C-alpha atoms as a PDB file:
ATOM      1  CA  MET A   1      13.909   0.221  -9.139  1.00  0.00           C
ATOM      2  CA  ARG A   2      14.322   3.855  -8.207  1.00  0.00           C
ATOM      3  CA  TYR A   3      11.407   5.595  -6.509  1.00  0.00           C
ATOM      4  CA  ALA A   4      10.346   8.914  -5.037  1.00  0.00           C
ATOM      5  CA  ASN A   5       7.286  10.017  -3.096  1.00  0.00           C
ATOM      6  CA  ALA A   6       5.242  13.067  -4.008  1.00  0.00           C
ATOM      7  CA  GLY A   7       2.956  13.226  -0.986  1.00  0.00           C
ATOM      8  CA  HIS A   8       1.341   9.784  -1.330  1.00  0.00           C
ATOM      9  CA  VAL A   9       1.319   6.854   1.059  1.00  0.00           C
ATOM     10  CA  PRO A  10       4.488   4.753   0.736  1.00  0.00           C
ATOM     11  CA  PRO A  11       4.300   1.519  -1.273  1.00  0.00           C
ATOM     12  CA  TYR A  12       5.323  -1.828   0.181  1.00  0.00           C
ATOM     13  CA  HIS A  13       7.958  -4.231  -1.121  1.00  0.00           C
ATOM     14  CA  ARG A  14       7.090  -7.855  -0.411  1.00  0.00           C
ATOM     15  CA  SER A  15       9.653 -10.651  -0.439  1.00  0.00           C
ATOM     16  CA  GLY A  16       8.103 -13.868   0.848  1.00  0.00           C
ATOM     17  CA  SER A  17       6.729 -12.991   4.279  1.00  0.00           C
ATOM     18  CA  GLU A  18       9.019  -9.961   4.678  1.00  0.00           C
ATOM     19  CA  VAL A  19       7.327  -6.627   3.967  1.00  0.00           C
ATOM     20  CA  VAL A  20       9.220  -3.322   3.829  1.00  0.00           C
ATOM     21  CA  GLU A  21       7.745   0.154   3.483  1.00  0.00           C
ATOM     22  CA  LEU A  22       9.484   2.149   0.733  1.00  0.00           C
ATOM     23  CA  THR A  23       9.819   5.584   2.264  1.00  0.00           C
ATOM     24  CA  ALA A  24      11.085   8.755   0.639  1.00  0.00           C
ATOM     25  CA  SER A  25      10.181  12.302   1.616  1.00  0.00           C
ATOM     26  CA  GLY A  26       8.594  14.795  -0.725  1.00  0.00           C
ATOM     27  CA  MET A  27       5.850  17.393  -0.897  1.00  0.00           C
ATOM     28  CA  PRO A  28       2.756  16.765  -3.058  1.00  0.00           C
ATOM     29  CA  LEU A  29       3.573  16.902  -6.758  1.00  0.00           C
ATOM     30  CA  GLY A  30       3.186  20.364  -8.292  1.00  0.00           C
ATOM     31  CA  LEU A  31       2.927  22.200  -4.978  1.00  0.00           C
ATOM     32  CA  ARG A  32       6.201  24.056  -5.489  1.00  0.00           C
ATOM     33  CA  PRO A  33       7.918  24.058  -8.886  1.00  0.00           C
ATOM     34  CA  GLU A  34      11.440  24.077  -7.387  1.00  0.00           C
ATOM     35  CA  MET A  35      10.745  21.100  -5.104  1.00  0.00           C
ATOM     36  CA  HIS A  36      13.335  18.307  -5.127  1.00  0.00           C
ATOM     37  CA  TYR A  37      12.396  14.786  -4.147  1.00  0.00           C
ATOM     38  CA  GLU A  38      14.340  12.248  -2.133  1.00  0.00           C
ATOM     39  CA  GLU A  39      14.910   9.048  -4.096  1.00  0.00           C
ATOM     40  CA  GLY A  40      15.261   5.509  -2.878  1.00  0.00           C
ATOM     41  CA  GLU A  41      16.334   2.357  -4.651  1.00  0.00           C
ATOM     42  CA  VAL A  42      15.236  -1.244  -4.188  1.00  0.00           C
ATOM     43  CA  GLN A  43      16.152  -4.507  -5.918  1.00  0.00           C
ATOM     44  CA  ILE A  44      13.106  -6.541  -6.902  1.00  0.00           C
ATOM     45  CA  SER A  45      14.024 -10.195  -7.314  1.00  0.00           C
ATOM     46  CA  HIS A  46      12.095 -13.048  -8.928  1.00  0.00           C
ATOM     47  CA  GLY A  47       8.786 -13.627  -7.103  1.00  0.00           C
ATOM     48  CA  GLU A  48       8.936 -10.364  -5.171  1.00  0.00           C
ATOM     49  CA  SER A  49       6.275  -7.706  -5.511  1.00  0.00           C
ATOM     50  CA  LEU A  50       5.242  -4.148  -4.798  1.00  0.00           C
ATOM     51  CA  LEU A  51       1.902  -2.860  -3.563  1.00  0.00           C
ATOM     52  CA  PHE A  52       0.863   0.668  -4.440  1.00  0.00           C
ATOM     53  CA  TYR A  53      -2.369   1.869  -2.794  1.00  0.00           C
ATOM     54  CA  SER A  54      -4.338   4.991  -1.978  1.00  0.00           C
ATOM     55  CA  LYS A  55      -4.828   6.320   1.539  1.00  0.00           C
ATOM     56  CA  GLY A  56      -8.509   5.354   1.454  1.00  0.00           C
ATOM     57  CA  LEU A  57      -7.406   1.797   2.211  1.00  0.00           C
ATOM     58  CA  VAL A  58      -5.508   2.571   5.415  1.00  0.00           C
ATOM     59  CA  GLU A  59      -7.911   5.309   6.545  1.00  0.00           C
ATOM     60  CA  ALA A  60     -11.071   3.164   6.193  1.00  0.00           C
ATOM     61  CA  GLN A  61     -12.909   2.885   9.516  1.00  0.00           C
ATOM     62  CA  ASN A  62     -14.957   0.148  11.139  1.00  0.00           C
ATOM     63  CA  PRO A  63     -18.189   0.814  13.099  1.00  0.00           C
ATOM     64  CA  ALA A  64     -16.097   1.481  16.256  1.00  0.00           C
ATOM     65  CA  ARG A  65     -14.257   4.249  14.298  1.00  0.00           C
ATOM     66  CA  GLU A  66     -10.948   2.341  14.342  1.00  0.00           C
ATOM     67  CA  VAL A  67      -8.856   2.757  11.189  1.00  0.00           C
ATOM     68  CA  PHE A  68      -7.701  -0.148   9.044  1.00  0.00           C
ATOM     69  CA  GLY A  69      -4.186   1.294   9.414  1.00  0.00           C
ATOM     70  CA  PHE A  70      -0.643   0.693   8.186  1.00  0.00           C
ATOM     71  CA  PRO A  71       0.267  -2.000  10.757  1.00  0.00           C
ATOM     72  CA  ARG A  72      -2.760  -4.117   9.793  1.00  0.00           C
ATOM     73  CA  LEU A  73      -1.983  -3.716   6.079  1.00  0.00           C
ATOM     74  CA  LYS A  74       1.636  -4.733   6.598  1.00  0.00           C
ATOM     75  CA  THR A  75       0.602  -7.801   8.631  1.00  0.00           C
ATOM     76  CA  LEU A  76      -1.918  -8.859   5.970  1.00  0.00           C
ATOM     77  CA  LEU A  77       0.684  -8.454   3.226  1.00  0.00           C
ATOM     78  CA  ALA A  78       3.132 -10.642   5.115  1.00  0.00           C
ATOM     79  CA  SER A  79       0.561 -13.397   5.617  1.00  0.00           C
ATOM     80  CA  SER A  80      -1.266 -13.321   2.272  1.00  0.00           C
ATOM     81  CA  PRO A  81      -0.611 -16.702   0.632  1.00  0.00           C
ATOM     82  CA  LYS A  82      -0.535 -15.908  -3.081  1.00  0.00           C
ATOM     83  CA  GLN A  83       0.485 -12.830  -5.022  1.00  0.00           C
ATOM     84  CA  SER A  84      -2.105 -13.494  -7.738  1.00  0.00           C
ATOM     85  CA  SER A  85      -5.013 -13.034  -5.314  1.00  0.00           C
ATOM     86  CA  LEU A  86      -3.489 -10.281  -3.151  1.00  0.00           C
ATOM     87  CA  ILE A  87      -5.893  -7.478  -4.120  1.00  0.00           C
ATOM     88  CA  ASP A  88      -8.950  -9.733  -3.782  1.00  0.00           C
ATOM     89  CA  ASP A  89      -7.632 -10.912  -0.412  1.00  0.00           C
ATOM     90  CA  LEU A  90      -7.067  -7.350   0.819  1.00  0.00           C
ATOM     91  CA  LEU A  91     -10.505  -6.221  -0.392  1.00  0.00           C
ATOM     92  CA  GLY A  92     -12.077  -9.149   1.469  1.00  0.00           C
ATOM     93  CA  LYS A  93     -10.186  -8.269   4.663  1.00  0.00           C
ATOM     94  CA  LEU A  94     -11.246  -4.628   4.270  1.00  0.00           C
ATOM     95  CA  LYS A  95     -14.899  -5.668   3.882  1.00  0.00           C
ATOM     96  CA  ASP A  96     -14.643  -7.885   6.985  1.00  0.00           C
ATOM     97  CA  PHE A  97     -13.067  -4.999   8.922  1.00  0.00           C
ATOM     98  CA  THR A  98     -15.501  -2.245   7.897  1.00  0.00           C
ATOM     99  CA  GLY A  99     -18.706  -4.293   8.016  1.00  0.00           C
ATOM    100  CA  ALA A 100     -21.726  -4.330   5.745  1.00  0.00           C
ATOM    101  CA  GLY A 101     -22.903  -0.751   6.401  1.00  0.00           C
ATOM    102  CA  TRP A 102     -19.591   0.926   5.579  1.00  0.00           C
ATOM    103  CA  GLU A 103     -19.844   4.349   3.983  1.00  0.00           C
ATOM    104  CA  GLN A 104     -16.697   4.816   1.922  1.00  0.00           C
ATOM    105  CA  GLU A 105     -15.196   8.275   2.462  1.00  0.00           C
ATOM    106  CA  ASP A 106     -12.225   8.064   0.070  1.00  0.00           C
ATOM    107  CA  ASP A 107     -11.145   5.989  -2.894  1.00  0.00           C
ATOM    108  CA  VAL A 108      -9.588   2.579  -2.317  1.00  0.00           C
ATOM    109  CA  THR A 109      -7.183   1.953  -5.153  1.00  0.00           C
ATOM    110  CA  MET A 110      -4.552  -0.792  -5.297  1.00  0.00           C
ATOM    111  CA  LEU A 111      -1.968  -1.864  -7.858  1.00  0.00           C
ATOM    112  CA  THR A 112       0.479  -4.728  -7.549  1.00  0.00           C
ATOM    113  CA  VAL A 113       3.633  -5.287  -9.555  1.00  0.00           C
ATOM    114  CA  GLU A 114       5.401  -8.646  -9.453  1.00  0.00           C
ATOM    115  CA  ARG A 115       8.697  -9.674 -10.968  1.00  0.00           C
ATOM    116  CA  THR A 116       8.185 -13.000 -12.716  1.00  0.00           C
ATOM    117  CA  SER A 117      11.555 -13.453 -14.382  1.00  0.00           C
END
């Protein structure tokens, strides 16, 4: 798969318990018409997956004003047992982290892609 980044948070590639951030530099899409984007390439093998998400996930704060953060997300991805329940698992961990009175400040959007053959 070839990828580029247009100002969004980088997706993660998950292979078993190994999780790699797919980084590529680029300004937000449409900011400058002549903008060129760095491209990366990754091989996605059987059983491996990608997680695409919005920054609202990693910027969510708990009552102590700590952010959920990239390191926590990466650790949770590496330890999540099943791909099929990954989003539900992450949403549960986010709810545990933020607490019952959390006031969401930004969208929390997630999409997973898994290679099954």
